[in-house]
Each structure stands twice: as structure tokens, then as C-alpha cells.
Amino acid sequence: MARLTVKALDAQTWVDFARLVEEHGGIWGGCWCMGFHSEGVGKTSSATNRSTKEARVREGRAHAALVYDGDACVGWCQFGPTEELPRIKHRRVYEAGLIELPHWRITCFFVARTHRGQGVAAKALEGALQEIKRLGGGVVESYPEDTTDRKTSGSFLHNASLSIFERQGFTRVRQIGKWHWVVRKRLPRTKSG
């Protein structure tokens, strides 16, 4: 894992992110990691998702921690303020038990086929938390899957495993689906946040 580094998704790193997405067919049927933004993916084309995502990145309205192995982007963790990422899985169950909205959501992970099982998702989460601290901190929430005592393909863990979050100090808040949990961590707020 020492060879892995993290950079924020921005106008300069967009080309690296885009290359990885294109190498994997647009990710999950052409999503381009748009599924949790307000636009969603619905009936839009992969090309529309790509251009919308690029516009959001260039405007500073899309956030991710990109993981690099040398010069190659090999994965990411998408995060953002709640209003930037309003769409989540298991929404009805989530809203039924909602106490307060978090400041930040972590909604999506992706790891290149060639790098799965090598700590990329853990490094991406670590990078996302560092970036969230830099951007002001606060309550961070995510919806990972508990894979304890069952075999699950990494290609289907769009929100990573519960164990990765617990190793970073997240606590379980409540279950929202057969295997998914709401987890939270509070990062110190800064004056800019």
C-alpha cells in the first residue's frame, strides 16, 4: 500500500479519472459516478453522464479522492456535501429513521479490476477523510455493506465494506437494508467549514 498516493478530483486530475472510467466501460452501465448527484442517471446516456460529471468537476461541484499507483489512477471514493449528493440507496428506510442530515456523504467507491483486493478502497477512504477535514469537517456519513461471514464480489461493493469504515473510526448508527448500515464519524469543524 506504500506505493499508493491520493489526489483530489479536480480540473487537473479529471483526465486521469476519465481514463479509468473509460477503461471500465463508463462504470456500472455508463454511470460516470453520477448516480448519487441530483441528476441521477435515469434515462441519460453515458455521454451525457460524462459531460455532466466533467462540468460538475470543473465547477467544483463534484468531489472524490483519487487513488494512484504511480501515474495511473486506479480507484476513487466519491464524497460531497449532502446537498451535492442527495440520492442514496434505501432512501425510504433511511428517511424513516433520520435524526439529522450529515454535513458530508461518502456514496461511492470504484477500484480498477487490476487493483482489487490491494487496499485501494481503504486508501481512498483515508484520502476522502483528509480532504473533508481540509474542507471544513463535520459529520460524515456513509452506507457500506456488511460482508461478515459471506462472500461478496468487490465489483458489487459500490459503497465498500463496513469493516473499512470501522477501521477508520466510523460507528454503526442503524441498519437500512439486509446488509447495509448507516455509519457516521464526526470530524472537527474548522472556521472555513
C-alpha atoms as a PDB file:
ATOM      1  CA  MET A   1       0.000   0.000   0.000  1.00  0.00           C
ATOM      2  CA  ALA A   2       3.018   2.307   0.382  1.00  0.00           C
ATOM      3  CA  ARG A   3       3.086   2.838  -3.376  1.00  0.00           C
ATOM      4  CA  LEU A   4      -0.452   4.257  -3.401  1.00  0.00           C
ATOM      5  CA  THR A   5      -0.999   8.019  -3.277  1.00  0.00           C
ATOM      6  CA  VAL A   6      -4.145  10.149  -3.226  1.00  0.00           C
ATOM      7  CA  LYS A   7      -5.119  13.315  -5.097  1.00  0.00           C
ATOM      8  CA  ALA A   8      -8.375  15.260  -5.110  1.00  0.00           C
ATOM      9  CA  LEU A   9     -10.593  15.090  -8.194  1.00  0.00           C
ATOM     10  CA  ASP A  10     -10.388  18.493  -9.885  1.00  0.00           C
ATOM     11  CA  ALA A  11      -9.873  20.036 -13.318  1.00  0.00           C
ATOM     12  CA  GLN A  12      -6.238  18.878 -13.374  1.00  0.00           C
ATOM     13  CA  THR A  13      -6.956  15.262 -12.385  1.00  0.00           C
ATOM     14  CA  TRP A  14     -10.134  14.937 -14.468  1.00  0.00           C
ATOM     15  CA  VAL A  15      -8.247  13.290 -17.342  1.00  0.00           C
ATOM     16  CA  ASP A  16      -6.965  10.541 -15.003  1.00  0.00           C
ATOM     17  CA  PHE A  17     -10.457   9.908 -13.608  1.00  0.00           C
ATOM     18  CA  ALA A  18     -11.952   9.885 -17.126  1.00  0.00           C
ATOM     19  CA  ARG A  19      -9.336   7.433 -18.368  1.00  0.00           C
ATOM     20  CA  LEU A  20     -10.160   4.966 -15.586  1.00  0.00           C
ATOM     21  CA  VAL A  21     -13.904   5.278 -16.194  1.00  0.00           C
ATOM     22  CA  GLU A  22     -13.471   4.780 -19.953  1.00  0.00           C
ATOM     23  CA  GLU A  23     -11.255   1.718 -19.360  1.00  0.00           C
ATOM     24  CA  HIS A  24     -14.153   0.192 -17.416  1.00  0.00           C
ATOM     25  CA  GLY A  25     -16.965   0.938 -19.875  1.00  0.00           C
ATOM     26  CA  GLY A  26     -18.345   4.011 -18.124  1.00  0.00           C
ATOM     27  CA  ILE A  27     -18.671   2.225 -14.752  1.00  0.00           C
ATOM     28  CA  TRP A  28     -21.893   0.376 -13.948  1.00  0.00           C
ATOM     29  CA  GLY A  29     -23.532   0.835 -17.336  1.00  0.00           C
ATOM     30  CA  GLY A  30     -22.305   4.353 -18.084  1.00  0.00           C
ATOM     31  CA  CYS A  31     -22.970   5.949 -14.696  1.00  0.00           C
ATOM     32  CA  TRP A  32     -19.753   8.005 -14.606  1.00  0.00           C
ATOM     33  CA  CYS A  33     -20.345   8.226 -10.843  1.00  0.00           C
ATOM     34  CA  MET A  34     -23.428  10.423 -11.373  1.00  0.00           C
ATOM     35  CA  GLY A  35     -25.963   8.145  -9.663  1.00  0.00           C
ATOM     36  CA  PHE A  36     -25.888   9.952  -6.311  1.00  0.00           C
ATOM     37  CA  HIS A  37     -25.909  13.523  -7.689  1.00  0.00           C
ATOM     38  CA  SER A  38     -29.283  15.241  -8.056  1.00  0.00           C
ATOM     39  CA  GLU A  39     -29.354  14.474 -11.794  1.00  0.00           C
ATOM     40  CA  GLY A  40     -29.008  10.732 -11.164  1.00  0.00           C
ATOM     41  CA  VAL A  41     -28.550   8.517 -14.192  1.00  0.00           C
ATOM     42  CA  GLY A  42     -32.133   7.581 -15.090  1.00  0.00           C
ATOM     43  CA  LYS A  43     -32.595   7.633 -18.837  1.00  0.00           C
ATOM     44  CA  THR A  44     -29.493   9.638 -19.651  1.00  0.00           C
ATOM     45  CA  SER A  45     -26.764   8.309 -21.907  1.00  0.00           C
ATOM     46  CA  SER A  46     -23.222   7.523 -20.860  1.00  0.00           C
ATOM     47  CA  ALA A  47     -22.069  10.518 -22.941  1.00  0.00           C
ATOM     48  CA  THR A  48     -24.471  12.835 -21.098  1.00  0.00           C
ATOM     49  CA  ASN A  49     -23.343  11.465 -17.730  1.00  0.00           C
ATOM     50  CA  ARG A  50     -19.721  12.053 -18.762  1.00  0.00           C
ATOM     51  CA  SER A  51     -20.267  15.658 -19.814  1.00  0.00           C
ATOM     52  CA  THR A  52     -22.403  16.433 -16.752  1.00  0.00           C
ATOM     53  CA  LYS A  53     -19.794  14.936 -14.426  1.00  0.00           C
ATOM     54  CA  GLU A  54     -16.987  16.861 -16.115  1.00  0.00           C
ATOM     55  CA  ALA A  55     -18.937  20.122 -15.798  1.00  0.00           C
ATOM     56  CA  ARG A  56     -19.560  19.446 -12.114  1.00  0.00           C
ATOM     57  CA  VAL A  57     -15.859  18.713 -11.539  1.00  0.00           C
ATOM     58  CA  ARG A  58     -14.723  21.872 -13.339  1.00  0.00           C
ATOM     59  CA  GLU A  59     -17.247  23.935 -11.330  1.00  0.00           C
ATOM     60  CA  GLY A  60     -16.085  22.382  -8.032  1.00  0.00           C
ATOM     61  CA  ARG A  61     -19.442  20.624  -7.510  1.00  0.00           C
ATOM     62  CA  ALA A  62     -18.139  17.024  -7.532  1.00  0.00           C
ATOM     63  CA  HIS A  63     -15.642  15.619  -5.062  1.00  0.00           C
ATOM     64  CA  ALA A  64     -13.601  12.443  -4.915  1.00  0.00           C
ATOM     65  CA  ALA A  65     -10.339  11.154  -3.543  1.00  0.00           C
ATOM     66  CA  LEU A  66      -8.494   9.548  -6.454  1.00  0.00           C
ATOM     67  CA  VAL A  67      -6.012   6.779  -5.679  1.00  0.00           C
ATOM     68  CA  TYR A  68      -2.897   6.470  -7.835  1.00  0.00           C
ATOM     69  CA  ASP A  69      -0.475   3.620  -8.329  1.00  0.00           C
ATOM     70  CA  GLY A  70       2.435   5.582  -9.766  1.00  0.00           C
ATOM     71  CA  ASP A  71       0.955   7.791 -12.503  1.00  0.00           C
ATOM     72  CA  ALA A  72      -2.167   5.674 -13.035  1.00  0.00           C
ATOM     73  CA  CYS A  73      -5.472   6.423 -11.318  1.00  0.00           C
ATOM     74  CA  VAL A  74      -6.688   3.045 -10.028  1.00  0.00           C
ATOM     75  CA  GLY A  75      -9.706   3.945  -7.908  1.00  0.00           C
ATOM     76  CA  TRP A  76     -11.663   6.551  -6.035  1.00  0.00           C
ATOM     77  CA  CYS A  77     -14.006   7.380  -3.202  1.00  0.00           C
ATOM     78  CA  GLN A  78     -16.768   9.875  -4.043  1.00  0.00           C
ATOM     79  CA  PHE A  79     -17.823  12.248  -1.271  1.00  0.00           C
ATOM     80  CA  GLY A  80     -19.531  15.597  -1.016  1.00  0.00           C
ATOM     81  CA  PRO A  81     -21.833  17.815   0.991  1.00  0.00           C
ATOM     82  CA  THR A  82     -25.284  16.294   1.483  1.00  0.00           C
ATOM     83  CA  GLU A  83     -26.840  18.743  -0.985  1.00  0.00           C
ATOM     84  CA  GLU A  84     -24.282  17.709  -3.632  1.00  0.00           C
ATOM     85  CA  LEU A  85     -25.147  14.013  -3.186  1.00  0.00           C
ATOM     86  CA  PRO A  86     -28.848  13.900  -2.240  1.00  0.00           C
ATOM     87  CA  ARG A  87     -29.607  10.485  -3.776  1.00  0.00           C
ATOM     88  CA  ILE A  88     -28.824   7.344  -1.769  1.00  0.00           C
ATOM     89  CA  LYS A  89     -29.846   3.683  -1.810  1.00  0.00           C
ATOM     90  CA  HIS A  90     -32.525   2.558   0.682  1.00  0.00           C
ATOM     91  CA  ARG A  91     -33.805   6.155   0.842  1.00  0.00           C
ATOM     92  CA  ARG A  92     -37.257   5.382   2.323  1.00  0.00           C
ATOM     93  CA  VAL A  93     -35.870   3.325   5.196  1.00  0.00           C
ATOM     94  CA  TYR A  94     -33.126   5.911   5.713  1.00  0.00           C
ATOM     95  CA  GLU A  95     -35.565   8.846   5.907  1.00  0.00           C
ATOM     96  CA  ALA A  96     -37.928   6.964   8.246  1.00  0.00           C
ATOM     97  CA  GLY A  97     -35.238   6.913  10.951  1.00  0.00           C
ATOM     98  CA  LEU A  98     -33.488  10.176  10.116  1.00  0.00           C
ATOM     99  CA  ILE A  99     -32.454  12.291  13.077  1.00  0.00           C
ATOM    100  CA  GLU A 100     -30.272  14.886  11.368  1.00  0.00           C
ATOM    101  CA  LEU A 101     -28.631  15.190   7.966  1.00  0.00           C
ATOM    102  CA  PRO A 102     -24.847  14.851   7.905  1.00  0.00           C
ATOM    103  CA  HIS A 103     -22.559  17.587   6.606  1.00  0.00           C
ATOM    104  CA  TRP A 104     -20.893  15.103   4.218  1.00  0.00           C
ATOM    105  CA  ARG A 105     -21.793  11.871   2.471  1.00  0.00           C
ATOM    106  CA  ILE A 106     -19.497   9.194   1.118  1.00  0.00           C
ATOM    107  CA  THR A 107     -21.538   7.493  -1.583  1.00  0.00           C
ATOM    108  CA  CYS A 108     -19.403   5.540  -3.999  1.00  0.00           C
ATOM    109  CA  PHE A 109     -16.134   3.650  -4.395  1.00  0.00           C
ATOM    110  CA  PHE A 110     -14.592   2.195  -7.504  1.00  0.00           C
ATOM    111  CA  VAL A 111     -11.412   0.160  -7.880  1.00  0.00           C
ATOM    112  CA  ALA A 112      -9.864  -0.929 -11.177  1.00  0.00           C
ATOM    113  CA  ARG A 113     -10.168  -4.665 -11.865  1.00  0.00           C
ATOM    114  CA  THR A 114      -6.369  -4.939 -11.787  1.00  0.00           C
ATOM    115  CA  HIS A 115      -6.137  -3.458  -8.272  1.00  0.00           C
ATOM    116  CA  ARG A 116      -8.993  -5.053  -6.311  1.00  0.00           C
ATOM    117  CA  GLY A 117      -8.014  -6.602  -3.006  1.00  0.00           C
ATOM    118  CA  GLN A 118      -4.902  -4.408  -2.694  1.00  0.00           C
ATOM    119  CA  GLY A 119      -6.086  -1.754  -0.225  1.00  0.00           C
ATOM    120  CA  VAL A 120      -7.211   0.832  -2.788  1.00  0.00           C
ATOM    121  CA  ALA A 121     -10.657   1.370  -1.226  1.00  0.00           C
ATOM    122  CA  ALA A 122      -9.140   1.819   2.243  1.00  0.00           C
ATOM    123  CA  LYS A 123      -6.630   4.329   0.853  1.00  0.00           C
ATOM    124  CA  ALA A 124      -9.441   6.164  -0.967  1.00  0.00           C
ATOM    125  CA  LEU A 125     -11.481   6.444   2.239  1.00  0.00           C
ATOM    126  CA  GLU A 126      -8.444   7.727   4.109  1.00  0.00           C
ATOM    127  CA  GLY A 127      -7.898  10.331   1.374  1.00  0.00           C
ATOM    128  CA  ALA A 128     -11.550  11.378   1.373  1.00  0.00           C
ATOM    129  CA  LEU A 129     -11.464  11.957   5.122  1.00  0.00           C
ATOM    130  CA  GLN A 130      -8.327  14.079   4.798  1.00  0.00           C
ATOM    131  CA  GLU A 131      -9.983  16.171   2.100  1.00  0.00           C
ATOM    132  CA  ILE A 132     -13.185  16.544   4.158  1.00  0.00           C
ATOM    133  CA  LYS A 133     -11.066  17.787   7.094  1.00  0.00           C
ATOM    134  CA  ARG A 134      -9.382  20.298   4.777  1.00  0.00           C
ATOM    135  CA  LEU A 135     -12.794  21.459   3.507  1.00  0.00           C
ATOM    136  CA  GLY A 136     -14.212  22.085   6.984  1.00  0.00           C
ATOM    137  CA  GLY A 137     -15.011  18.759   8.653  1.00  0.00           C
ATOM    138  CA  GLY A 138     -18.253  17.920  10.424  1.00  0.00           C
ATOM    139  CA  VAL A 139     -20.451  14.833  10.470  1.00  0.00           C
ATOM    140  CA  VAL A 140     -19.529  12.327   7.751  1.00  0.00           C
ATOM    141  CA  GLU A 141     -21.946   9.558   6.841  1.00  0.00           C
ATOM    142  CA  SER A 142     -21.877   6.541   4.543  1.00  0.00           C
ATOM    143  CA  TYR A 143     -23.867   3.375   3.783  1.00  0.00           C
ATOM    144  CA  PRO A 144     -21.461   0.424   3.494  1.00  0.00           C
ATOM    145  CA  GLU A 145     -22.273  -3.256   3.258  1.00  0.00           C
ATOM    146  CA  ASP A 146     -21.571  -5.789   5.990  1.00  0.00           C
ATOM    147  CA  THR A 147     -19.712  -8.662   4.325  1.00  0.00           C
ATOM    148  CA  THR A 148     -19.007 -10.599   7.533  1.00  0.00           C
ATOM    149  CA  ASP A 149     -19.299 -14.364   7.057  1.00  0.00           C
ATOM    150  CA  ARG A 150     -20.357 -14.133   3.408  1.00  0.00           C
ATOM    151  CA  LYS A 151     -18.618 -13.930   0.079  1.00  0.00           C
ATOM    152  CA  THR A 152     -19.324 -10.791  -1.945  1.00  0.00           C
ATOM    153  CA  SER A 153     -17.761  -9.713  -5.226  1.00  0.00           C
ATOM    154  CA  GLY A 154     -15.791  -6.482  -4.869  1.00  0.00           C
ATOM    155  CA  SER A 155     -17.275  -5.330  -8.162  1.00  0.00           C
ATOM    156  CA  PHE A 156     -20.676  -5.009  -6.443  1.00  0.00           C
ATOM    157  CA  LEU A 157     -19.498  -3.172  -3.332  1.00  0.00           C
ATOM    158  CA  HIS A 158     -20.230   0.324  -4.659  1.00  0.00           C
ATOM    159  CA  ASN A 159     -20.129   1.694  -1.102  1.00  0.00           C
ATOM    160  CA  ALA A 160     -17.304  -0.541   0.179  1.00  0.00           C
ATOM    161  CA  SER A 161     -17.415  -2.834   3.178  1.00  0.00           C
ATOM    162  CA  LEU A 162     -18.431  -1.974   6.709  1.00  0.00           C
ATOM    163  CA  SER A 163     -15.071  -3.138   8.061  1.00  0.00           C
ATOM    164  CA  ILE A 164     -13.173  -0.479   6.071  1.00  0.00           C
ATOM    165  CA  PHE A 165     -15.253   2.244   7.704  1.00  0.00           C
ATOM    166  CA  GLU A 166     -14.993   0.787  11.190  1.00  0.00           C
ATOM    167  CA  ARG A 167     -11.183   0.691  10.880  1.00  0.00           C
ATOM    168  CA  GLN A 168     -11.346   4.453  10.211  1.00  0.00           C
ATOM    169  CA  GLY A 169     -13.377   5.081  13.385  1.00  0.00           C
ATOM    170  CA  PHE A 170     -16.907   5.164  11.958  1.00  0.00           C
ATOM    171  CA  THR A 171     -19.673   3.823  14.187  1.00  0.00           C
ATOM    172  CA  ARG A 172     -22.818   1.980  13.167  1.00  0.00           C
ATOM    173  CA  VAL A 173     -25.924   4.124  13.549  1.00  0.00           C
ATOM    174  CA  ARG A 174     -28.590   1.766  12.201  1.00  0.00           C
ATOM    175  CA  GLN A 175     -29.271  -0.848   9.564  1.00  0.00           C
ATOM    176  CA  ILE A 176     -31.016   0.170   6.317  1.00  0.00           C
ATOM    177  CA  GLY A 177     -31.345  -2.977   4.291  1.00  0.00           C
ATOM    178  CA  LYS A 178     -30.420  -6.601   4.638  1.00  0.00           C
ATOM    179  CA  TRP A 179     -26.669  -5.897   4.629  1.00  0.00           C
ATOM    180  CA  HIS A 180     -26.282  -2.091   4.587  1.00  0.00           C
ATOM    181  CA  TRP A 181     -25.642   0.199   7.538  1.00  0.00           C
ATOM    182  CA  VAL A 182     -25.649   3.927   8.155  1.00  0.00           C
ATOM    183  CA  VAL A 183     -22.248   4.736   9.658  1.00  0.00           C
ATOM    184  CA  ARG A 184     -21.047   8.079  10.966  1.00  0.00           C
ATOM    185  CA  LYS A 185     -17.915   9.808  12.093  1.00  0.00           C
ATOM    186  CA  ARG A 186     -17.536  13.343  13.404  1.00  0.00           C
ATOM    187  CA  LEU A 187     -14.505  15.293  12.220  1.00  0.00           C
ATOM    188  CA  PRO A 188     -13.607  18.543  13.996  1.00  0.00           C
ATOM    189  CA  ARG A 189     -15.219  21.589  12.340  1.00  0.00           C
ATOM    190  CA  THR A 190     -12.913  24.342  11.163  1.00  0.00           C
ATOM    191  CA  LYS A 191     -13.717  28.011  10.760  1.00  0.00           C
ATOM    192  CA  SER A 192     -13.903  27.622   6.976  1.00  0.00           C
ATOM    193  CA  GLY A 193     -16.475  24.769   7.376  1.00  0.00           C
END
